[in-house]
Structure formats: structure tokens, C-alpha cells
Amino acid sequence: TEAALLASIGAPRLRRLGFDVPSPFMDPEHRLYSCLARSAPDTAHSRYNSLVRRLVSFERAWPCAR
């Protein structure tokens, strides 16, 4: 799923933050983009960037929320 691939992209940092994240998928960035492009090719790039920004925002905010 898109969520699983996004978690896989963030796995190294999420682990450092204390989350139990399974081993990452191979090449999750390209797999996520391909998944998005299959469902809506015209918006894949902006959706990909939006998801990654949301992940980074969460990773940065988590230490402050603890």
C-alpha cells in the first residue's frame, strides 16, 4: 500500500525515533511513485512530494510531542 511504502521510506529515521518498523522494501521511493502513477499519472509527482513532506513533518514533530 502507499502507507506501507511511505513507512518503508522513513524506516531508518522512524526506528531511531523508537518506532518498531519492519525491514524496508527494496526501492520504496520508486515503488511508491509507480503506485501513484498507476492510479493517477497526472498527479503522481505532486502526490508523491506531498506524502514525503508529510512523513518528514511527522519525523520532525515527533521528538517535540513526546
PDB file of N, CA and C in Angstrom:
ATOM      1  N   THR A   1       0.839  -1.187   0.000  1.00  0.00           N
ATOM      2  CA  THR A   1       0.000   0.000   0.000  1.00  0.00           C
ATOM      3  C   THR A   1       0.883   1.249   0.000  1.00  0.00           C
ATOM      4  N   GLU A   2       0.268   2.366  -0.303  1.00  0.00           N
ATOM      5  CA  GLU A   2       1.010   3.627  -0.275  1.00  0.00           C
ATOM      6  C   GLU A   2       1.578   3.889   1.116  1.00  0.00           C
ATOM      7  N   ALA A   3       0.783   3.614   2.132  1.00  0.00           N
ATOM      8  CA  ALA A   3       1.231   3.857   3.511  1.00  0.00           C
ATOM      9  C   ALA A   3       2.427   2.979   3.871  1.00  0.00           C
ATOM     10  N   ALA A   4       2.387   1.723   3.460  1.00  0.00           N
ATOM     11  CA  ALA A   4       3.496   0.810   3.764  1.00  0.00           C
ATOM     12  C   ALA A   4       4.775   1.253   3.066  1.00  0.00           C
ATOM     13  N   LEU A   5       4.646   1.699   1.834  1.00  0.00           N
ATOM     14  CA  LEU A   5       5.827   2.169   1.110  1.00  0.00           C
ATOM     15  C   LEU A   5       6.369   3.452   1.734  1.00  0.00           C
ATOM     16  N   LEU A   6       5.490   4.326   2.166  1.00  0.00           N
ATOM     17  CA  LEU A   6       5.927   5.562   2.811  1.00  0.00           C
ATOM     18  C   LEU A   6       6.634   5.251   4.133  1.00  0.00           C
ATOM     19  N   ALA A   7       6.082   4.332   4.902  1.00  0.00           N
ATOM     20  CA  ALA A   7       6.742   3.924   6.151  1.00  0.00           C
ATOM     21  C   ALA A   7       8.101   3.303   5.858  1.00  0.00           C
ATOM     22  N   SER A   8       8.197   2.595   4.758  1.00  0.00           N
ATOM     23  CA  SER A   8       9.463   1.985   4.373  1.00  0.00           C
ATOM     24  C   SER A   8      10.496   3.052   4.012  1.00  0.00           C
ATOM     25  N   ILE A   9      10.054   4.109   3.363  1.00  0.00           N
ATOM     26  CA  ILE A   9      10.956   5.216   3.038  1.00  0.00           C
ATOM     27  C   ILE A   9      11.500   5.829   4.330  1.00  0.00           C
ATOM     28  N   GLY A  10      10.643   5.985   5.304  1.00  0.00           N
ATOM     29  CA  GLY A  10      11.049   6.611   6.559  1.00  0.00           C
ATOM     30  C   GLY A  10      11.587   5.656   7.603  1.00  0.00           C
ATOM     31  N   ALA A  11      11.693   4.382   7.284  1.00  0.00           N
ATOM     32  CA  ALA A  11      12.060   3.364   8.275  1.00  0.00           C
ATOM     33  C   ALA A  11      13.320   3.684   9.078  1.00  0.00           C
ATOM     34  N   PRO A  12      14.415   4.079   8.461  1.00  0.00           N
ATOM     35  CA  PRO A  12      15.617   4.329   9.274  1.00  0.00           C
ATOM     36  C   PRO A  12      15.398   5.395  10.353  1.00  0.00           C
ATOM     37  N   ARG A  13      14.805   6.495   9.968  1.00  0.00           N
ATOM     38  CA  ARG A  13      14.599   7.565  10.950  1.00  0.00           C
ATOM     39  C   ARG A  13      13.507   7.188  11.950  1.00  0.00           C
ATOM     40  N   LEU A  14      12.458   6.522  11.483  1.00  0.00           N
ATOM     41  CA  LEU A  14      11.395   6.109  12.395  1.00  0.00           C
ATOM     42  C   LEU A  14      11.934   5.150  13.453  1.00  0.00           C
ATOM     43  N   ARG A  15      12.847   4.273  13.070  1.00  0.00           N
ATOM     44  CA  ARG A  15      13.466   3.368  14.044  1.00  0.00           C
ATOM     45  C   ARG A  15      14.266   4.159  15.075  1.00  0.00           C
ATOM     46  N   ARG A  16      15.023   5.146  14.606  1.00  0.00           N
ATOM     47  CA  ARG A  16      15.798   5.973  15.544  1.00  0.00           C
ATOM     48  C   ARG A  16      14.882   6.723  16.507  1.00  0.00           C
ATOM     49  N   LEU A  17      13.662   7.004  16.073  1.00  0.00           N
ATOM     50  CA  LEU A  17      12.699   7.695  16.929  1.00  0.00           C
ATOM     51  C   LEU A  17      11.980   6.735  17.877  1.00  0.00           C
ATOM     52  N   GLY A  18      12.250   5.430  17.739  1.00  0.00           N
ATOM     53  CA  GLY A  18      11.673   4.456  18.657  1.00  0.00           C
ATOM     54  C   GLY A  18      10.510   3.651  18.119  1.00  0.00           C
ATOM     55  N   PHE A  19      10.183   3.817  16.858  1.00  0.00           N
ATOM     56  CA  PHE A  19       9.085   3.053  16.265  1.00  0.00           C
ATOM     57  C   PHE A  19       9.584   1.688  15.809  1.00  0.00           C
ATOM     58  N   ASP A  20       8.742   0.692  15.976  1.00  0.00           N
ATOM     59  CA  ASP A  20       9.057  -0.657  15.517  1.00  0.00           C
ATOM     60  C   ASP A  20       8.583  -0.773  14.068  1.00  0.00           C
ATOM     61  N   VAL A  21       9.502  -0.579  13.148  1.00  0.00           N
ATOM     62  CA  VAL A  21       9.173  -0.587  11.723  1.00  0.00           C
ATOM     63  C   VAL A  21       9.835  -1.805  11.093  1.00  0.00           C
ATOM     64  N   PRO A  22       9.075  -2.595  10.321  1.00  0.00           N
ATOM     65  CA  PRO A  22       9.678  -3.765   9.680  1.00  0.00           C
ATOM     66  C   PRO A  22      10.767  -3.365   8.688  1.00  0.00           C
ATOM     67  N   SER A  23      11.512  -4.344   8.258  1.00  0.00           N
ATOM     68  CA  SER A  23      12.565  -4.094   7.271  1.00  0.00           C
ATOM     69  C   SER A  23      11.973  -3.394   6.056  1.00  0.00           C
ATOM     70  N   PRO A  24      12.694  -2.415   5.540  1.00  0.00           N
ATOM     71  CA  PRO A  24      12.160  -1.659   4.406  1.00  0.00           C
ATOM     72  C   PRO A  24      12.063  -2.504   3.135  1.00  0.00           C
ATOM     73  N   PHE A  25      11.128  -2.111   2.294  1.00  0.00           N
ATOM     74  CA  PHE A  25      11.012  -2.719   0.972  1.00  0.00           C
ATOM     75  C   PHE A  25      12.220  -2.308   0.135  1.00  0.00           C
ATOM     76  N   MET A  26      12.502  -3.071  -0.868  1.00  0.00           N
ATOM     77  CA  MET A  26      13.532  -2.685  -1.823  1.00  0.00           C
ATOM     78  C   MET A  26      13.003  -1.514  -2.642  1.00  0.00           C
ATOM     79  N   ASP A  27      13.803  -0.478  -2.787  1.00  0.00           N
ATOM     80  CA  ASP A  27      13.495   0.658  -3.651  1.00  0.00           C
ATOM     81  C   ASP A  27      12.111   1.271  -3.387  1.00  0.00           C
ATOM     82  N   PRO A  28      11.811   1.619  -2.130  1.00  0.00           N
ATOM     83  CA  PRO A  28      10.459   2.092  -1.824  1.00  0.00           C
ATOM     84  C   PRO A  28      10.088   3.402  -2.508  1.00  0.00           C
ATOM     85  N   GLU A  29      11.068   4.266  -2.751  1.00  0.00           N
ATOM     86  CA  GLU A  29      10.758   5.545  -3.396  1.00  0.00           C
ATOM     87  C   GLU A  29      10.180   5.333  -4.792  1.00  0.00           C
ATOM     88  N   HIS A  30      10.858   4.515  -5.581  1.00  0.00           N
ATOM     89  CA  HIS A  30      10.382   4.260  -6.943  1.00  0.00           C
ATOM     90  C   HIS A  30       9.085   3.461  -6.943  1.00  0.00           C
ATOM     91  N   ARG A  31       8.966   2.544  -6.010  1.00  0.00           N
ATOM     92  CA  ARG A  31       7.734   1.750  -5.938  1.00  0.00           C
ATOM     93  C   ARG A  31       6.539   2.621  -5.568  1.00  0.00           C
ATOM     94  N   LEU A  32       6.743   3.553  -4.637  1.00  0.00           N
ATOM     95  CA  LEU A  32       5.654   4.454  -4.263  1.00  0.00           C
ATOM     96  C   LEU A  32       5.258   5.321  -5.450  1.00  0.00           C
ATOM     97  N   TYR A  33       6.241   5.882  -6.129  1.00  0.00           N
ATOM     98  CA  TYR A  33       5.924   6.728  -7.280  1.00  0.00           C
ATOM     99  C   TYR A  33       5.182   5.926  -8.347  1.00  0.00           C
ATOM    100  N   SER A  34       5.623   4.715  -8.603  1.00  0.00           N
ATOM    101  CA  SER A  34       4.956   3.869  -9.602  1.00  0.00           C
ATOM    102  C   SER A  34       3.518   3.571  -9.201  1.00  0.00           C
ATOM    103  N   CYS A  35       3.315   3.303  -7.938  1.00  0.00           N
ATOM    104  CA  CYS A  35       1.967   3.038  -7.430  1.00  0.00           C
ATOM    105  C   CYS A  35       1.069   4.259  -7.641  1.00  0.00           C
ATOM    106  N   LEU A  36       1.586   5.420  -7.321  1.00  0.00           N
ATOM    107  CA  LEU A  36       0.817   6.652  -7.502  1.00  0.00           C
ATOM    108  C   LEU A  36       0.559   6.932  -8.980  1.00  0.00           C
ATOM    109  N   ALA A  37       1.546   6.662  -9.811  1.00  0.00           N
ATOM    110  CA  ALA A  37       1.411   6.918 -11.246  1.00  0.00           C
ATOM    111  C   ALA A  37       0.392   5.984 -11.892  1.00  0.00           C
ATOM    112  N   ARG A  38       0.285   4.777 -11.377  1.00  0.00           N
ATOM    113  CA  ARG A  38      -0.712   3.845 -11.928  1.00  0.00           C
ATOM    114  C   ARG A  38      -2.130   4.330 -11.658  1.00  0.00           C
ATOM    115  N   SER A  39      -2.348   4.870 -10.471  1.00  0.00           N
ATOM    116  CA  SER A  39      -3.711   5.274 -10.116  1.00  0.00           C
ATOM    117  C   SER A  39      -4.085   6.650 -10.666  1.00  0.00           C
ATOM    118  N   ALA A  40      -3.112   7.543 -10.787  1.00  0.00           N
ATOM    119  CA  ALA A  40      -3.399   8.896 -11.294  1.00  0.00           C
ATOM    120  C   ALA A  40      -2.114   9.502 -11.850  1.00  0.00           C
ATOM    121  N   PRO A  41      -1.775   9.182 -13.085  1.00  0.00           N
ATOM    122  CA  PRO A  41      -0.488   9.619 -13.636  1.00  0.00           C
ATOM    123  C   PRO A  41      -0.288  11.135 -13.672  1.00  0.00           C
ATOM    124  N   ASP A  42      -1.347  11.879 -13.853  1.00  0.00           N
ATOM    125  CA  ASP A  42      -1.209  13.334 -13.962  1.00  0.00           C
ATOM    126  C   ASP A  42      -0.847  14.006 -12.640  1.00  0.00           C
ATOM    127  N   THR A  43      -1.143  13.354 -11.535  1.00  0.00           N
ATOM    128  CA  THR A  43      -0.886  13.972 -10.232  1.00  0.00           C
ATOM    129  C   THR A  43       0.142  13.208  -9.404  1.00  0.00           C
ATOM    130  N   ALA A  44       0.775  12.214  -9.984  1.00  0.00           N
ATOM    131  CA  ALA A  44       1.694  11.356  -9.225  1.00  0.00           C
ATOM    132  C   ALA A  44       2.827  12.149  -8.580  1.00  0.00           C
ATOM    133  N   HIS A  45       3.414  13.060  -9.321  1.00  0.00           N
ATOM    134  CA  HIS A  45       4.562  13.805  -8.801  1.00  0.00           C
ATOM    135  C   HIS A  45       4.167  14.651  -7.590  1.00  0.00           C
ATOM    136  N   SER A  46       3.095  15.384  -7.702  1.00  0.00           N
ATOM    137  CA  SER A  46       2.691  16.242  -6.583  1.00  0.00           C
ATOM    138  C   SER A  46       2.211  15.412  -5.395  1.00  0.00           C
ATOM    139  N   ARG A  47       1.532  14.309  -5.653  1.00  0.00           N
ATOM    140  CA  ARG A  47       1.093  13.441  -4.551  1.00  0.00           C
ATOM    141  C   ARG A  47       2.287  12.812  -3.848  1.00  0.00           C
ATOM    142  N   TYR A  48       3.276  12.380  -4.620  1.00  0.00           N
ATOM    143  CA  TYR A  48       4.488  11.799  -4.036  1.00  0.00           C
ATOM    144  C   TYR A  48       5.170  12.823  -3.126  1.00  0.00           C
ATOM    145  N   ASN A  49       5.371  14.025  -3.648  1.00  0.00           N
ATOM    146  CA  ASN A  49       6.021  15.070  -2.848  1.00  0.00           C
ATOM    147  C   ASN A  49       5.218  15.399  -1.598  1.00  0.00           C
ATOM    148  N   SER A  50       3.914  15.426  -1.714  1.00  0.00           N
ATOM    149  CA  SER A  50       3.062  15.720  -0.571  1.00  0.00           C
ATOM    150  C   SER A  50       3.199  14.644   0.509  1.00  0.00           C
ATOM    151  N   LEU A  51       3.206  13.393   0.105  1.00  0.00           N
ATOM    152  CA  LEU A  51       3.348  12.302   1.073  1.00  0.00           C
ATOM    153  C   LEU A  51       4.707  12.344   1.766  1.00  0.00           C
ATOM    154  N   VAL A  52       5.752  12.598   1.006  1.00  0.00           N
ATOM    155  CA  VAL A  52       7.091  12.658   1.606  1.00  0.00           C
ATOM    156  C   VAL A  52       7.190  13.854   2.553  1.00  0.00           C
ATOM    157  N   ARG A  53       6.613  14.989   2.178  1.00  0.00           N
ATOM    158  CA  ARG A  53       6.613  16.150   3.080  1.00  0.00           C
ATOM    159  C   ARG A  53       5.879  15.830   4.378  1.00  0.00           C
ATOM    160  N   ARG A  54       4.769  15.120   4.274  1.00  0.00           N
ATOM    161  CA  ARG A  54       4.011  14.751   5.472  1.00  0.00           C
ATOM    162  C   ARG A  54       4.835  13.824   6.370  1.00  0.00           C
ATOM    163  N   LEU A  55       5.542  12.884   5.764  1.00  0.00           N
ATOM    164  CA  LEU A  55       6.410  11.979   6.521  1.00  0.00           C
ATOM    165  C   LEU A  55       7.502  12.766   7.244  1.00  0.00           C
ATOM    166  N   VAL A  56       8.174  13.650   6.532  1.00  0.00           N
ATOM    167  CA  VAL A  56       9.251  14.443   7.125  1.00  0.00           C
ATOM    168  C   VAL A  56       8.705  15.330   8.240  1.00  0.00           C
ATOM    169  N   SER A  57       7.543  15.898   8.036  1.00  0.00           N
ATOM    170  CA  SER A  57       6.929  16.728   9.062  1.00  0.00           C
ATOM    171  C   SER A  57       6.667  15.915  10.329  1.00  0.00           C
ATOM    172  N   PHE A  58       6.148  14.710  10.166  1.00  0.00           N
ATOM    173  CA  PHE A  58       5.907  13.837  11.312  1.00  0.00           C
ATOM    174  C   PHE A  58       7.213  13.503  12.020  1.00  0.00           C
ATOM    175  N   GLU A  59       8.232  13.150  11.248  1.00  0.00           N
ATOM    176  CA  GLU A  59       9.516  12.778  11.836  1.00  0.00           C
ATOM    177  C   GLU A  59      10.123  13.938  12.627  1.00  0.00           C
ATOM    178  N   ARG A  60       9.950  15.135  12.142  1.00  0.00           N
ATOM    179  CA  ARG A  60      10.496  16.303  12.838  1.00  0.00           C
ATOM    180  C   ARG A  60       9.671  16.683  14.061  1.00  0.00           C
ATOM    181  N   ALA A  61       8.364  16.481  13.992  1.00  0.00           N
ATOM    182  CA  ALA A  61       7.486  16.880  15.091  1.00  0.00           C
ATOM    183  C   ALA A  61       7.481  15.873  16.237  1.00  0.00           C
ATOM    184  N   TRP A  62       7.729  14.619  15.942  1.00  0.00           N
ATOM    185  CA  TRP A  62       7.619  13.577  16.962  1.00  0.00           C
ATOM    186  C   TRP A  62       8.456  13.852  18.215  1.00  0.00           C
ATOM    187  N   PRO A  63       9.724  14.227  18.094  1.00  0.00           N
ATOM    188  CA  PRO A  63      10.500  14.476  19.319  1.00  0.00           C
ATOM    189  C   PRO A  63       9.907  15.597  20.182  1.00  0.00           C
ATOM    190  N   CYS A  64       9.273  16.563  19.570  1.00  0.00           N
ATOM    191  CA  CYS A  64       8.673  17.672  20.321  1.00  0.00           C
ATOM    192  C   CYS A  64       7.391  17.243  21.023  1.00  0.00           C
ATOM    193  N   ALA A  65       6.715  16.248  20.476  1.00  0.00           N
ATOM    194  CA  ALA A  65       5.431  15.804  21.016  1.00  0.00           C
ATOM    195  C   ALA A  65       5.594  14.828  22.174  1.00  0.00           C
ATOM    196  N   ARG A  66       6.773  14.322  22.356  1.00  0.00           N
ATOM    197  CA  ARG A  66       6.985  13.307  23.397  1.00  0.00           C
ATOM    198  C   ARG A  66       7.109  13.903  24.751  1.00  0.00           C
TER     199      ARG A  66
END
